């Protein structure tokens, strides 16, 4: 079985620069802003990290999104439905990065699956 570790955490923010400044000061996280996506990535220095995305009706403040590694998002999303969950966003490419898909578990929690385009990342 492949690794199934948490690979990314998204924290919605109504003010991304303010959120980035807060967490950088609090935890010492390193920030990198991706202007083309209006997204700021954070890293704790160990290779683990996440990002701040713009809060919206679909992505409200208070709804942190956890990404779990997947070797095969298509198969995993089919299994979500077989096991009583719901696919809420199909497999979608993130240009230059990889693919993701969103699902709700049977209790209503939304989580994400992620596969990197970097073959070394997926080992």
PDB file of N, CA and C in Angstrom:
ATOM      1  N   UNK A   1       0.847  -1.186   0.000  1.00  0.00           N
ATOM      2  CA  UNK A   1       0.000   0.000   0.000  1.00  0.00           C
ATOM      3  C   UNK A   1       0.888   1.243   0.000  1.00  0.00           C
ATOM      4  N   UNK A   2       0.468   2.260  -0.692  1.00  0.00           N
ATOM      5  CA  UNK A   2       1.224   3.499  -0.768  1.00  0.00           C
ATOM      6  C   UNK A   2       1.083   4.283   0.529  1.00  0.00           C
ATOM      7  N   UNK A   3       1.935   5.289   0.655  1.00  0.00           N
ATOM      8  CA  UNK A   3       1.820   6.160   1.822  1.00  0.00           C
ATOM      9  C   UNK A   3       0.496   6.907   1.750  1.00  0.00           C
ATOM     10  N   UNK A   4      -0.081   7.192   2.874  1.00  0.00           N
ATOM     11  CA  UNK A   4      -1.355   7.904   2.945  1.00  0.00           C
ATOM     12  C   UNK A   4      -1.248   9.058   3.928  1.00  0.00           C
ATOM     13  N   UNK A   5      -0.101   9.704   3.927  1.00  0.00           N
ATOM     14  CA  UNK A   5       0.118  10.765   4.889  1.00  0.00           C
ATOM     15  C   UNK A   5      -0.494  12.088   4.446  1.00  0.00           C
ATOM     16  N   UNK A   6      -0.672  12.952   5.418  1.00  0.00           N
ATOM     17  CA  UNK A   6      -1.127  14.312   5.140  1.00  0.00           C
ATOM     18  C   UNK A   6       0.013  15.021   4.429  1.00  0.00           C
ATOM     19  N   UNK A   7      -0.290  15.652   3.287  1.00  0.00           N
ATOM     20  CA  UNK A   7       0.759  16.290   2.496  1.00  0.00           C
ATOM     21  C   UNK A   7       0.602  17.800   2.380  1.00  0.00           C
ATOM     22  N   UNK A   8      -0.540  18.333   2.797  1.00  0.00           N
ATOM     23  CA  UNK A   8      -0.782  19.762   2.607  1.00  0.00           C
ATOM     24  C   UNK A   8      -1.994  20.161   3.438  1.00  0.00           C
ATOM     25  N   UNK A   9      -1.973  21.356   3.996  1.00  0.00           N
ATOM     26  CA  UNK A   9      -3.117  21.875   4.740  1.00  0.00           C
ATOM     27  C   UNK A   9      -3.401  23.283   4.243  1.00  0.00           C
ATOM     28  N   UNK A  10      -4.647  23.540   3.845  1.00  0.00           N
ATOM     29  CA  UNK A  10      -5.046  24.878   3.411  1.00  0.00           C
ATOM     30  C   UNK A  10      -5.838  25.563   4.515  1.00  0.00           C
ATOM     31  N   UNK A  11      -5.453  26.810   4.782  1.00  0.00           N
ATOM     32  CA  UNK A  11      -6.125  27.616   5.788  1.00  0.00           C
ATOM     33  C   UNK A  11      -6.775  28.796   5.071  1.00  0.00           C
ATOM     34  N   UNK A  12      -8.115  28.844   5.001  1.00  0.00           N
ATOM     35  CA  UNK A  12      -8.779  29.964   4.342  1.00  0.00           C
ATOM     36  C   UNK A  12      -8.528  31.271   5.101  1.00  0.00           C
ATOM     37  N   UNK A  13      -8.367  32.346   4.360  1.00  0.00           N
ATOM     38  CA  UNK A  13      -8.124  33.650   4.977  1.00  0.00           C
ATOM     39  C   UNK A  13      -8.832  34.734   4.185  1.00  0.00           C
ATOM     40  N   UNK A  14      -9.509  35.627   4.887  1.00  0.00           N
ATOM     41  CA  UNK A  14     -10.131  36.765   4.208  1.00  0.00           C
ATOM     42  C   UNK A  14      -9.070  37.795   3.832  1.00  0.00           C
ATOM     43  N   UNK A  15      -7.950  37.817   4.556  1.00  0.00           N
ATOM     44  CA  UNK A  15      -6.824  38.708   4.283  1.00  0.00           C
ATOM     45  C   UNK A  15      -5.555  37.852   4.300  1.00  0.00           C
ATOM     46  N   UNK A  16      -5.157  37.365   3.136  1.00  0.00           N
ATOM     47  CA  UNK A  16      -4.028  36.440   3.039  1.00  0.00           C
ATOM     48  C   UNK A  16      -2.724  37.051   3.564  1.00  0.00           C
ATOM     49  N   UNK A  17      -2.347  38.283   3.177  1.00  0.00           N
ATOM     50  CA  UNK A  17      -1.093  38.840   3.703  1.00  0.00           C
ATOM     51  C   UNK A  17      -1.079  38.940   5.234  1.00  0.00           C
ATOM     52  N   UNK A  18      -2.209  39.293   5.816  1.00  0.00           N
ATOM     53  CA  UNK A  18      -2.296  39.390   7.272  1.00  0.00           C
ATOM     54  C   UNK A  18      -2.151  38.016   7.927  1.00  0.00           C
ATOM     55  N   UNK A  19      -2.815  37.009   7.356  1.00  0.00           N
ATOM     56  CA  UNK A  19      -2.710  35.651   7.894  1.00  0.00           C
ATOM     57  C   UNK A  19      -1.274  35.151   7.786  1.00  0.00           C
ATOM     58  N   UNK A  20      -0.645  35.383   6.633  1.00  0.00           N
ATOM     59  CA  UNK A  20       0.737  34.944   6.431  1.00  0.00           C
ATOM     60  C   UNK A  20       1.666  35.605   7.448  1.00  0.00           C
ATOM     61  N   UNK A  21       1.494  36.885   7.666  1.00  0.00           N
ATOM     62  CA  UNK A  21       2.321  37.618   8.629  1.00  0.00           C
ATOM     63  C   UNK A  21       2.138  37.053  10.041  1.00  0.00           C
ATOM     64  N   UNK A  22       0.898  36.768  10.419  1.00  0.00           N
ATOM     65  CA  UNK A  22       0.591  36.222  11.739  1.00  0.00           C
ATOM     66  C   UNK A  22       1.299  34.883  11.957  1.00  0.00           C
ATOM     67  N   UNK A  23       1.128  33.936  11.029  1.00  0.00           N
ATOM     68  CA  UNK A  23       1.704  32.604  11.201  1.00  0.00           C
ATOM     69  C   UNK A  23       3.227  32.607  11.064  1.00  0.00           C
ATOM     70  N   UNK A  24       3.745  33.500  10.234  1.00  0.00           N
ATOM     71  CA  UNK A  24       5.198  33.615  10.117  1.00  0.00           C
ATOM     72  C   UNK A  24       5.793  34.071  11.450  1.00  0.00           C
ATOM     73  N   UNK A  25       5.156  35.070  12.081  1.00  0.00           N
ATOM     74  CA  UNK A  25       5.638  35.568  13.372  1.00  0.00           C
ATOM     75  C   UNK A  25       5.423  34.544  14.489  1.00  0.00           C
ATOM     76  N   UNK A  26       4.284  33.860  14.479  1.00  0.00           N
ATOM     77  CA  UNK A  26       3.948  32.918  15.542  1.00  0.00           C
ATOM     78  C   UNK A  26       4.791  31.648  15.499  1.00  0.00           C
ATOM     79  N   UNK A  27       4.925  31.046  14.315  1.00  0.00           N
ATOM     80  CA  UNK A  27       5.583  29.747  14.195  1.00  0.00           C
ATOM     81  C   UNK A  27       6.914  29.768  13.441  1.00  0.00           C
ATOM     82  N   UNK A  28       7.265  30.899  12.824  1.00  0.00           N
ATOM     83  CA  UNK A  28       8.491  30.966  12.043  1.00  0.00           C
ATOM     84  C   UNK A  28       8.384  30.304  10.686  1.00  0.00           C
ATOM     85  N   UNK A  29       7.134  30.075  10.217  1.00  0.00           N
ATOM     86  CA  UNK A  29       6.948  29.456   8.913  1.00  0.00           C
ATOM     87  C   UNK A  29       7.480  30.369   7.819  1.00  0.00           C
ATOM     88  N   UNK A  30       8.055  29.781   6.783  1.00  0.00           N
ATOM     89  CA  UNK A  30       8.534  30.524   5.615  1.00  0.00           C
ATOM     90  C   UNK A  30       7.389  30.646   4.615  1.00  0.00           C
ATOM     91  N   UNK A  31       7.237  31.832   4.043  1.00  0.00           N
ATOM     92  CA  UNK A  31       6.129  32.112   3.127  1.00  0.00           C
ATOM     93  C   UNK A  31       6.630  32.336   1.709  1.00  0.00           C
ATOM     94  N   UNK A  32       5.824  31.909   0.737  1.00  0.00           N
ATOM     95  CA  UNK A  32       6.101  32.163  -0.676  1.00  0.00           C
ATOM     96  C   UNK A  32       4.770  32.437  -1.363  1.00  0.00           C
ATOM     97  N   UNK A  33       4.614  33.654  -1.891  1.00  0.00           N
ATOM     98  CA  UNK A  33       3.349  34.031  -2.518  1.00  0.00           C
ATOM     99  C   UNK A  33       3.354  33.659  -4.002  1.00  0.00           C
ATOM    100  N   UNK A  34       2.274  33.044  -4.458  1.00  0.00           N
ATOM    101  CA  UNK A  34       2.081  32.711  -5.874  1.00  0.00           C
ATOM    102  C   UNK A  34       1.006  33.654  -6.411  1.00  0.00           C
ATOM    103  N   UNK A  35       1.431  34.770  -6.975  1.00  0.00           N
ATOM    104  CA  UNK A  35       0.499  35.812  -7.412  1.00  0.00           C
ATOM    105  C   UNK A  35      -0.503  35.314  -8.445  1.00  0.00           C
ATOM    106  N   UNK A  36      -0.076  34.399  -9.341  1.00  0.00           N
ATOM    107  CA  UNK A  36      -0.973  33.923 -10.394  1.00  0.00           C
ATOM    108  C   UNK A  36      -2.159  33.145  -9.834  1.00  0.00           C
ATOM    109  N   UNK A  37      -2.035  32.624  -8.599  1.00  0.00           N
ATOM    110  CA  UNK A  37      -3.129  31.882  -7.966  1.00  0.00           C
ATOM    111  C   UNK A  37      -3.740  32.637  -6.788  1.00  0.00           C
ATOM    112  N   UNK A  38      -3.212  33.838  -6.458  1.00  0.00           N
ATOM    113  CA  UNK A  38      -3.593  34.572  -5.247  1.00  0.00           C
ATOM    114  C   UNK A  38      -3.546  33.617  -4.058  1.00  0.00           C
ATOM    115  N   UNK A  39      -2.382  33.019  -3.877  1.00  0.00           N
ATOM    116  CA  UNK A  39      -2.198  31.933  -2.919  1.00  0.00           C
ATOM    117  C   UNK A  39      -0.824  32.083  -2.284  1.00  0.00           C
ATOM    118  N   UNK A  40      -0.734  31.924  -0.990  1.00  0.00           N
ATOM    119  CA  UNK A  40       0.547  31.977  -0.301  1.00  0.00           C
ATOM    120  C   UNK A  40       0.843  30.621   0.314  1.00  0.00           C
ATOM    121  N   UNK A  41       1.962  30.034  -0.079  1.00  0.00           N
ATOM    122  CA  UNK A  41       2.404  28.743   0.453  1.00  0.00           C
ATOM    123  C   UNK A  41       3.189  28.984   1.737  1.00  0.00           C
ATOM    124  N   UNK A  42       3.050  28.069   2.688  1.00  0.00           N
ATOM    125  CA  UNK A  42       3.870  28.120   3.897  1.00  0.00           C
ATOM    126  C   UNK A  42       4.580  26.789   4.081  1.00  0.00           C
ATOM    127  N   UNK A  43       5.752  26.864   4.707  1.00  0.00           N
ATOM    128  CA  UNK A  43       6.540  25.665   4.986  1.00  0.00           C
ATOM    129  C   UNK A  43       7.135  25.790   6.374  1.00  0.00           C
ATOM    130  N   UNK A  44       7.167  24.675   7.094  1.00  0.00           N
ATOM    131  CA  UNK A  44       7.743  24.692   8.437  1.00  0.00           C
ATOM    132  C   UNK A  44       9.240  24.397   8.425  1.00  0.00           C
ATOM    133  N   UNK A  45       9.831  24.230   7.244  1.00  0.00           N
ATOM    134  CA  UNK A  45      11.257  23.978   7.122  1.00  0.00           C
ATOM    135  C   UNK A  45      11.621  22.504   7.077  1.00  0.00           C
ATOM    136  N   UNK A  46      10.672  21.622   7.369  1.00  0.00           N
ATOM    137  CA  UNK A  46      10.952  20.184   7.361  1.00  0.00           C
ATOM    138  C   UNK A  46      10.432  19.514   6.094  1.00  0.00           C
ATOM    139  N   UNK A  47       9.882  20.319   5.183  1.00  0.00           N
ATOM    140  CA  UNK A  47       9.268  19.766   3.981  1.00  0.00           C
ATOM    141  C   UNK A  47       7.759  19.669   4.093  1.00  0.00           C
ATOM    142  N   UNK A  48       7.235  19.953   5.260  1.00  0.00           N
ATOM    143  CA  UNK A  48       5.789  19.909   5.486  1.00  0.00           C
ATOM    144  C   UNK A  48       5.240  21.320   5.388  1.00  0.00           C
ATOM    145  N   UNK A  49       4.033  21.460   4.842  1.00  0.00           N
ATOM    146  CA  UNK A  49       3.478  22.797   4.731  1.00  0.00           C
ATOM    147  C   UNK A  49       2.067  22.816   4.226  1.00  0.00           C
ATOM    148  N   UNK A  50       1.693  23.980   3.727  1.00  0.00           N
ATOM    149  CA  UNK A  50       0.343  24.182   3.242  1.00  0.00           C
ATOM    150  C   UNK A  50       0.235  25.529   2.583  1.00  0.00           C
ATOM    151  N   UNK A  51      -0.941  26.114   2.665  1.00  0.00           N
ATOM    152  CA  UNK A  51      -1.136  27.400   2.027  1.00  0.00           C
ATOM    153  C   UNK A  51      -2.327  28.141   2.580  1.00  0.00           C
ATOM    154  N   UNK A  52      -2.365  29.418   2.259  1.00  0.00           N
ATOM    155  CA  UNK A  52      -3.500  30.276   2.581  1.00  0.00           C
ATOM    156  C   UNK A  52      -4.222  30.582   1.281  1.00  0.00           C
ATOM    157  N   UNK A  53      -5.490  30.220   1.207  1.00  0.00           N
ATOM    158  CA  UNK A  53      -6.284  30.550   0.031  1.00  0.00           C
ATOM    159  C   UNK A  53      -7.359  31.548   0.425  1.00  0.00           C
ATOM    160  N   UNK A  54      -7.880  32.253  -0.563  1.00  0.00           N
ATOM    161  CA  UNK A  54      -8.876  33.300  -0.324  1.00  0.00           C
ATOM    162  C   UNK A  54     -10.179  32.675   0.159  1.00  0.00           C
ATOM    163  N   UNK A  55     -10.663  33.154   1.289  1.00  0.00           N
ATOM    164  CA  UNK A  55     -11.939  32.679   1.825  1.00  0.00           C
ATOM    165  C   UNK A  55     -13.072  33.072   0.878  1.00  0.00           C
ATOM    166  N   UNK A  56     -14.077  32.191   0.776  1.00  0.00           N
ATOM    167  CA  UNK A  56     -15.241  32.433  -0.081  1.00  0.00           C
ATOM    168  C   UNK A  56     -16.419  31.664   0.501  1.00  0.00           C
ATOM    169  N   UNK A  57     -17.575  31.753  -0.160  1.00  0.00           N
ATOM    170  CA  UNK A  57     -18.738  30.990   0.293  1.00  0.00           C
ATOM    171  C   UNK A  57     -18.461  29.488   0.250  1.00  0.00           C
ATOM    172  N   UNK A  58     -17.740  29.039  -0.776  1.00  0.00           N
ATOM    173  CA  UNK A  58     -17.418  27.623  -0.910  1.00  0.00           C
ATOM    174  C   UNK A  58     -16.253  27.216  -0.018  1.00  0.00           C
ATOM    175  N   UNK A  59     -15.481  28.188   0.427  1.00  0.00           N
ATOM    176  CA  UNK A  59     -14.264  27.948   1.197  1.00  0.00           C
ATOM    177  C   UNK A  59     -14.222  28.920   2.377  1.00  0.00           C
ATOM    178  N   UNK A  60     -15.129  28.746   3.350  1.00  0.00           N
ATOM    179  CA  UNK A  60     -15.244  29.736   4.420  1.00  0.00           C
ATOM    180  C   UNK A  60     -14.122  29.664   5.450  1.00  0.00           C
ATOM    181  N   UNK A  61     -13.880  30.800   6.095  1.00  0.00           N
ATOM    182  CA  UNK A  61     -12.959  30.840   7.224  1.00  0.00           C
ATOM    183  C   UNK A  61     -13.461  29.841   8.259  1.00  0.00           C
ATOM    184  N   UNK A  62     -12.551  29.096   8.845  1.00  0.00           N
ATOM    185  CA  UNK A  62     -12.921  28.085   9.831  1.00  0.00           C
ATOM    186  C   UNK A  62     -13.010  26.691   9.249  1.00  0.00           C
ATOM    187  N   UNK A  63     -12.890  26.563   7.937  1.00  0.00           N
ATOM    188  CA  UNK A  63     -12.955  25.255   7.278  1.00  0.00           C
ATOM    189  C   UNK A  63     -11.578  24.922   6.707  1.00  0.00           C
ATOM    190  N   UNK A  64     -10.691  24.452   7.556  1.00  0.00           N
ATOM    191  CA  UNK A  64      -9.347  24.066   7.139  1.00  0.00           C
ATOM    192  C   UNK A  64      -9.449  22.799   6.295  1.00  0.00           C
ATOM    193  N   UNK A  65      -8.693  22.741   5.196  1.00  0.00           N
ATOM    194  CA  UNK A  65      -8.765  21.604   4.279  1.00  0.00           C
ATOM    195  C   UNK A  65      -7.469  20.799   4.343  1.00  0.00           C
ATOM    196  N   UNK A  66      -7.592  19.518   4.661  1.00  0.00           N
ATOM    197  CA  UNK A  66      -6.456  18.607   4.769  1.00  0.00           C
ATOM    198  C   UNK A  66      -6.326  17.817   3.466  1.00  0.00           C
ATOM    199  N   UNK A  67      -5.110  17.783   2.907  1.00  0.00           N
ATOM    200  CA  UNK A  67      -4.817  17.024   1.686  1.00  0.00           C
ATOM    201  C   UNK A  67      -4.075  15.747   2.058  1.00  0.00           C
ATOM    202  N   UNK A  68      -4.524  14.621   1.520  1.00  0.00           N
ATOM    203  CA  UNK A  68      -3.930  13.321   1.779  1.00  0.00           C
ATOM    204  C   UNK A  68      -3.349  12.785   0.475  1.00  0.00           C
ATOM    205  N   UNK A  69      -2.131  12.232   0.547  1.00  0.00           N
ATOM    206  CA  UNK A  69      -1.477  11.705  -0.646  1.00  0.00           C
ATOM    207  C   UNK A  69      -2.290  10.565  -1.256  1.00  0.00           C
ATOM    208  N   UNK A  70      -2.344  10.535  -2.576  1.00  0.00           N
ATOM    209  CA  UNK A  70      -3.018   9.472  -3.318  1.00  0.00           C
ATOM    210  C   UNK A  70      -2.165   9.084  -4.518  1.00  0.00           C
ATOM    211  N   UNK A  71      -1.965   7.785  -4.712  1.00  0.00           N
ATOM    212  CA  UNK A  71      -1.284   7.308  -5.920  1.00  0.00           C
ATOM    213  C   UNK A  71      -2.221   7.313  -7.118  1.00  0.00           C
ATOM    214  N   UNK A  72      -3.520   7.211  -6.862  1.00  0.00           N
ATOM    215  CA  UNK A  72      -4.518   7.084  -7.927  1.00  0.00           C
ATOM    216  C   UNK A  72      -5.815   7.762  -7.488  1.00  0.00           C
ATOM    217  N   UNK A  73      -5.920   9.043  -7.766  1.00  0.00           N
ATOM    218  CA  UNK A  73      -7.083   9.821  -7.331  1.00  0.00           C
ATOM    219  C   UNK A  73      -8.376   9.265  -7.921  1.00  0.00           C
ATOM    220  N   UNK A  74      -8.353   8.870  -9.187  1.00  0.00           N
ATOM    221  CA  UNK A  74      -9.575   8.345  -9.815  1.00  0.00           C
ATOM    222  C   UNK A  74     -10.116   7.141  -9.041  1.00  0.00           C
ATOM    223  N   UNK A  75      -9.243   6.193  -8.729  1.00  0.00           N
ATOM    224  CA  UNK A  75      -9.663   5.002  -7.984  1.00  0.00           C
ATOM    225  C   UNK A  75     -10.109   5.369  -6.574  1.00  0.00           C
ATOM    226  N   UNK A  76      -9.351   6.248  -5.922  1.00  0.00           N
ATOM    227  CA  UNK A  76      -9.724   6.639  -4.561  1.00  0.00           C
ATOM    228  C   UNK A  76     -11.080   7.335  -4.524  1.00  0.00           C
ATOM    229  N   UNK A  77     -11.372   8.187  -5.515  1.00  0.00           N
ATOM    230  CA  UNK A  77     -12.676   8.859  -5.533  1.00  0.00           C
ATOM    231  C   UNK A  77     -13.810   7.859  -5.786  1.00  0.00           C
ATOM    232  N   UNK A  78     -13.551   6.849  -6.614  1.00  0.00           N
ATOM    233  CA  UNK A  78     -14.563   5.792  -6.804  1.00  0.00           C
ATOM    234  C   UNK A  78     -14.802   5.052  -5.490  1.00  0.00           C
ATOM    235  N   UNK A  79     -13.725   4.790  -4.754  1.00  0.00           N
ATOM    236  CA  UNK A  79     -13.856   4.107  -3.469  1.00  0.00           C
ATOM    237  C   UNK A  79     -14.586   4.962  -2.438  1.00  0.00           C
ATOM    238  N   UNK A  80     -14.390   6.271  -2.497  1.00  0.00           N
ATOM    239  CA  UNK A  80     -15.134   7.175  -1.609  1.00  0.00           C
ATOM    240  C   UNK A  80     -16.623   6.914  -1.756  1.00  0.00           C
ATOM    241  N   UNK A  81     -17.093   6.876  -3.013  1.00  0.00           N
ATOM    242  CA  UNK A  81     -18.526   6.667  -3.261  1.00  0.00           C
ATOM    243  C   UNK A  81     -18.975   5.266  -2.849  1.00  0.00           C
ATOM    244  N   UNK A  82     -18.145   4.250  -3.108  1.00  0.00           N
ATOM    245  CA  UNK A  82     -18.493   2.880  -2.710  1.00  0.00           C
ATOM    246  C   UNK A  82     -18.638   2.760  -1.194  1.00  0.00           C
ATOM    247  N   UNK A  83     -17.873   3.566  -0.464  1.00  0.00           N
ATOM    248  CA  UNK A  83     -17.862   3.486   0.995  1.00  0.00           C
ATOM    249  C   UNK A  83     -18.838   4.457   1.657  1.00  0.00           C
ATOM    250  N   UNK A  84     -19.661   5.140   0.842  1.00  0.00           N
ATOM    251  CA  UNK A  84     -20.691   6.010   1.406  1.00  0.00           C
ATOM    252  C   UNK A  84     -20.357   7.483   1.461  1.00  0.00           C
ATOM    253  N   UNK A  85     -19.210   7.864   0.900  1.00  0.00           N
ATOM    254  CA  UNK A  85     -18.853   9.275   0.834  1.00  0.00           C
ATOM    255  C   UNK A  85     -19.365   9.895  -0.458  1.00  0.00           C
ATOM    256  N   UNK A  86     -19.053  11.171  -0.660  1.00  0.00           N
ATOM    257  CA  UNK A  86     -19.508  11.914  -1.830  1.00  0.00           C
ATOM    258  C   UNK A  86     -18.339  12.672  -2.446  1.00  0.00           C
ATOM    259  N   UNK A  87     -18.172  12.561  -3.749  1.00  0.00           N
ATOM    260  CA  UNK A  87     -17.174  13.361  -4.457  1.00  0.00           C
ATOM    261  C   UNK A  87     -17.766  14.755  -4.644  1.00  0.00           C
ATOM    262  N   UNK A  88     -17.053  15.783  -4.160  1.00  0.00           N
ATOM    263  CA  UNK A  88     -17.557  17.153  -4.288  1.00  0.00           C
ATOM    264  C   UNK A  88     -16.790  17.960  -5.328  1.00  0.00           C
ATOM    265  N   UNK A  89     -15.616  17.472  -5.738  1.00  0.00           N
ATOM    266  CA  UNK A  89     -14.846  18.115  -6.809  1.00  0.00           C
ATOM    267  C   UNK A  89     -14.019  17.015  -7.474  1.00  0.00           C
ATOM    268  N   UNK A  90     -14.214  16.789  -8.774  1.00  0.00           N
ATOM    269  CA  UNK A  90     -13.503  15.697  -9.445  1.00  0.00           C
ATOM    270  C   UNK A  90     -12.003  15.977  -9.548  1.00  0.00           C
ATOM    271  N   UNK A  91     -11.278  14.972  -9.971  1.00  0.00           N
ATOM    272  CA  UNK A  91      -9.841  15.129 -10.188  1.00  0.00           C
ATOM    273  C   UNK A  91      -9.608  16.318 -11.110  1.00  0.00           C
ATOM    274  N   UNK A  92      -8.748  17.233 -10.663  1.00  0.00           N
ATOM    275  CA  UNK A  92      -8.480  18.468 -11.390  1.00  0.00           C
ATOM    276  C   UNK A  92      -6.981  18.739 -11.371  1.00  0.00           C
ATOM    277  N   UNK A  93      -6.454  19.165 -12.506  1.00  0.00           N
ATOM    278  CA  UNK A  93      -5.029  19.473 -12.589  1.00  0.00           C
ATOM    279  C   UNK A  93      -4.729  20.828 -11.960  1.00  0.00           C
ATOM    280  N   UNK A  94      -3.620  20.889 -11.227  1.00  0.00           N
ATOM    281  CA  UNK A  94      -3.043  22.144 -10.756  1.00  0.00           C
ATOM    282  C   UNK A  94      -1.834  22.364 -11.662  1.00  0.00           C
ATOM    283  N   UNK A  95      -1.892  23.324 -12.596  1.00  0.00           N
ATOM    284  CA  UNK A  95      -0.832  23.473 -13.592  1.00  0.00           C
ATOM    285  C   UNK A  95       0.570  23.505 -12.977  1.00  0.00           C
ATOM    286  N   UNK A  96       1.432  22.639 -13.511  1.00  0.00           N
ATOM    287  CA  UNK A  96       2.817  22.592 -13.083  1.00  0.00           C
ATOM    288  C   UNK A  96       3.060  21.911 -11.746  1.00  0.00           C
ATOM    289  N   UNK A  97       2.005  21.456 -11.087  1.00  0.00           N
ATOM    290  CA  UNK A  97       2.149  20.931  -9.727  1.00  0.00           C
ATOM    291  C   UNK A  97       1.681  19.495  -9.587  1.00  0.00           C
ATOM    292  N   UNK A  98       0.416  19.234  -9.927  1.00  0.00           N
ATOM    293  CA  UNK A  98      -0.140  17.897  -9.746  1.00  0.00           C
ATOM    294  C   UNK A  98      -1.640  17.895  -9.947  1.00  0.00           C
ATOM    295  N   UNK A  99      -2.334  17.025  -9.224  1.00  0.00           N
ATOM    296  CA  UNK A  99      -3.787  16.891  -9.334  1.00  0.00           C
ATOM    297  C   UNK A  99      -4.398  16.796  -7.943  1.00  0.00           C
ATOM    298  N   UNK A 100      -5.664  17.214  -7.833  1.00  0.00           N
ATOM    299  CA  UNK A 100      -6.374  17.072  -6.573  1.00  0.00           C
ATOM    300  C   UNK A 100      -7.823  16.711  -6.842  1.00  0.00           C
ATOM    301  N   UNK A 101      -8.485  16.215  -5.837  1.00  0.00           N
ATOM    302  CA  UNK A 101      -9.917  15.938  -5.861  1.00  0.00           C
ATOM    303  C   UNK A 101     -10.441  16.104  -4.446  1.00  0.00           C
ATOM    304  N   UNK A 102     -11.683  16.539  -4.312  1.00  0.00           N
ATOM    305  CA  UNK A 102     -12.276  16.756  -2.988  1.00  0.00           C
ATOM    306  C   UNK A 102     -13.412  15.781  -2.754  1.00  0.00           C
ATOM    307  N   UNK A 103     -13.562  15.363  -1.506  1.00  0.00           N
ATOM    308  CA  UNK A 103     -14.672  14.483  -1.156  1.00  0.00           C
ATOM    309  C   UNK A 103     -15.174  14.789   0.250  1.00  0.00           C
ATOM    310  N   UNK A 104     -16.407  14.359   0.504  1.00  0.00           N
ATOM    311  CA  UNK A 104     -16.970  14.405   1.854  1.00  0.00           C
ATOM    312  C   UNK A 104     -17.058  12.978   2.356  1.00  0.00           C
ATOM    313  N   UNK A 105     -16.626  12.782   3.595  1.00  0.00           N
ATOM    314  CA  UNK A 105     -16.774  11.462   4.194  1.00  0.00           C
ATOM    315  C   UNK A 105     -18.233  11.287   4.623  1.00  0.00           C
ATOM    316  N   UNK A 106     -18.633  10.094   5.047  1.00  0.00           N
ATOM    317  CA  UNK A 106     -20.038   9.874   5.407  1.00  0.00           C
ATOM    318  C   UNK A 106     -20.546  10.744   6.560  1.00  0.00           C
ATOM    319  N   UNK A 107     -19.629  11.336   7.347  1.00  0.00           N
ATOM    320  CA  UNK A 107     -20.064  12.203   8.445  1.00  0.00           C
ATOM    321  C   UNK A 107     -20.089  13.678   8.059  1.00  0.00           C
ATOM    322  N   UNK A 108     -19.700  13.991   6.793  1.00  0.00           N
ATOM    323  CA  UNK A 108     -19.790  15.363   6.306  1.00  0.00           C
ATOM    324  C   UNK A 108     -18.500  16.153   6.280  1.00  0.00           C
ATOM    325  N   UNK A 109     -17.379  15.552   6.678  1.00  0.00           N
ATOM    326  CA  UNK A 109     -16.097  16.255   6.627  1.00  0.00           C
ATOM    327  C   UNK A 109     -15.569  16.293   5.199  1.00  0.00           C
ATOM    328  N   UNK A 110     -15.096  17.457   4.764  1.00  0.00           N
ATOM    329  CA  UNK A 110     -14.497  17.594   3.440  1.00  0.00           C
ATOM    330  C   UNK A 110     -12.989  17.428   3.559  1.00  0.00           C
ATOM    331  N   UNK A 111     -12.438  16.554   2.723  1.00  0.00           N
ATOM    332  CA  UNK A 111     -10.998  16.331   2.647  1.00  0.00           C
ATOM    333  C   UNK A 111     -10.583  16.334   1.184  1.00  0.00           C
ATOM    334  N   UNK A 112      -9.267  16.385   0.962  1.00  0.00           N
ATOM    335  CA  UNK A 112      -8.748  16.417  -0.401  1.00  0.00           C
ATOM    336  C   UNK A 112      -7.746  15.292  -0.609  1.00  0.00           C
ATOM    337  N   UNK A 113      -7.658  14.842  -1.846  1.00  0.00           N
ATOM    338  CA  UNK A 113      -6.635  13.899  -2.281  1.00  0.00           C
ATOM    339  C   UNK A 113      -5.676  14.663  -3.186  1.00  0.00           C
ATOM    340  N   UNK A 114      -4.390  14.311  -3.162  1.00  0.00           N
ATOM    341  CA  UNK A 114      -3.400  15.019  -3.962  1.00  0.00           C
ATOM    342  C   UNK A 114      -2.364  14.045  -4.513  1.00  0.00           C
ATOM    343  N   UNK A 115      -2.004  14.238  -5.782  1.00  0.00           N
ATOM    344  CA  UNK A 115      -0.908  13.529  -6.431  1.00  0.00           C
ATOM    345  C   UNK A 115      -0.012  14.566  -7.089  1.00  0.00           C
ATOM    346  N   UNK A 116       1.280  14.472  -6.823  1.00  0.00           N
ATOM    347  CA  UNK A 116       2.246  15.404  -7.390  1.00  0.00           C
ATOM    348  C   UNK A 116       2.688  14.949  -8.774  1.00  0.00           C
ATOM    349  N   UNK A 117       3.065  15.906  -9.624  1.00  0.00           N
ATOM    350  CA  UNK A 117       3.674  15.580 -10.918  1.00  0.00           C
ATOM    351  C   UNK A 117       5.135  15.174 -10.737  1.00  0.00           C
ATOM    352  N   UNK A 118       5.716  15.493  -9.594  1.00  0.00           N
ATOM    353  CA  UNK A 118       7.105  15.158  -9.300  1.00  0.00           C
ATOM    354  C   UNK A 118       7.166  13.704  -8.845  1.00  0.00           C
ATOM    355  N   UNK A 119       7.766  12.806  -9.633  1.00  0.00           N
ATOM    356  CA  UNK A 119       7.769  11.385  -9.271  1.00  0.00           C
ATOM    357  C   UNK A 119       8.468  11.100  -7.943  1.00  0.00           C
ATOM    358  N   UNK A 120       9.454  11.902  -7.569  1.00  0.00           N
ATOM    359  CA  UNK A 120      10.144  11.693  -6.294  1.00  0.00           C
ATOM    360  C   UNK A 120       9.238  12.009  -5.108  1.00  0.00           C
ATOM    361  N   UNK A 121       8.307  12.928  -5.299  1.00  0.00           N
ATOM    362  CA  UNK A 121       7.378  13.318  -4.228  1.00  0.00           C
ATOM    363  C   UNK A 121       6.446  12.168  -3.869  1.00  0.00           C
ATOM    364  N   UNK A 122       6.083  11.379  -4.857  1.00  0.00           N
ATOM    365  CA  UNK A 122       5.083  10.328  -4.671  1.00  0.00           C
ATOM    366  C   UNK A 122       5.656   9.014  -4.140  1.00  0.00           C
ATOM    367  N   UNK A 123       6.947   8.976  -3.832  1.00  0.00           N
ATOM    368  CA  UNK A 123       7.566   7.727  -3.342  1.00  0.00           C
ATOM    369  C   UNK A 123       7.309   7.551  -1.867  1.00  0.00           C
TER     370      UNK A 123
END
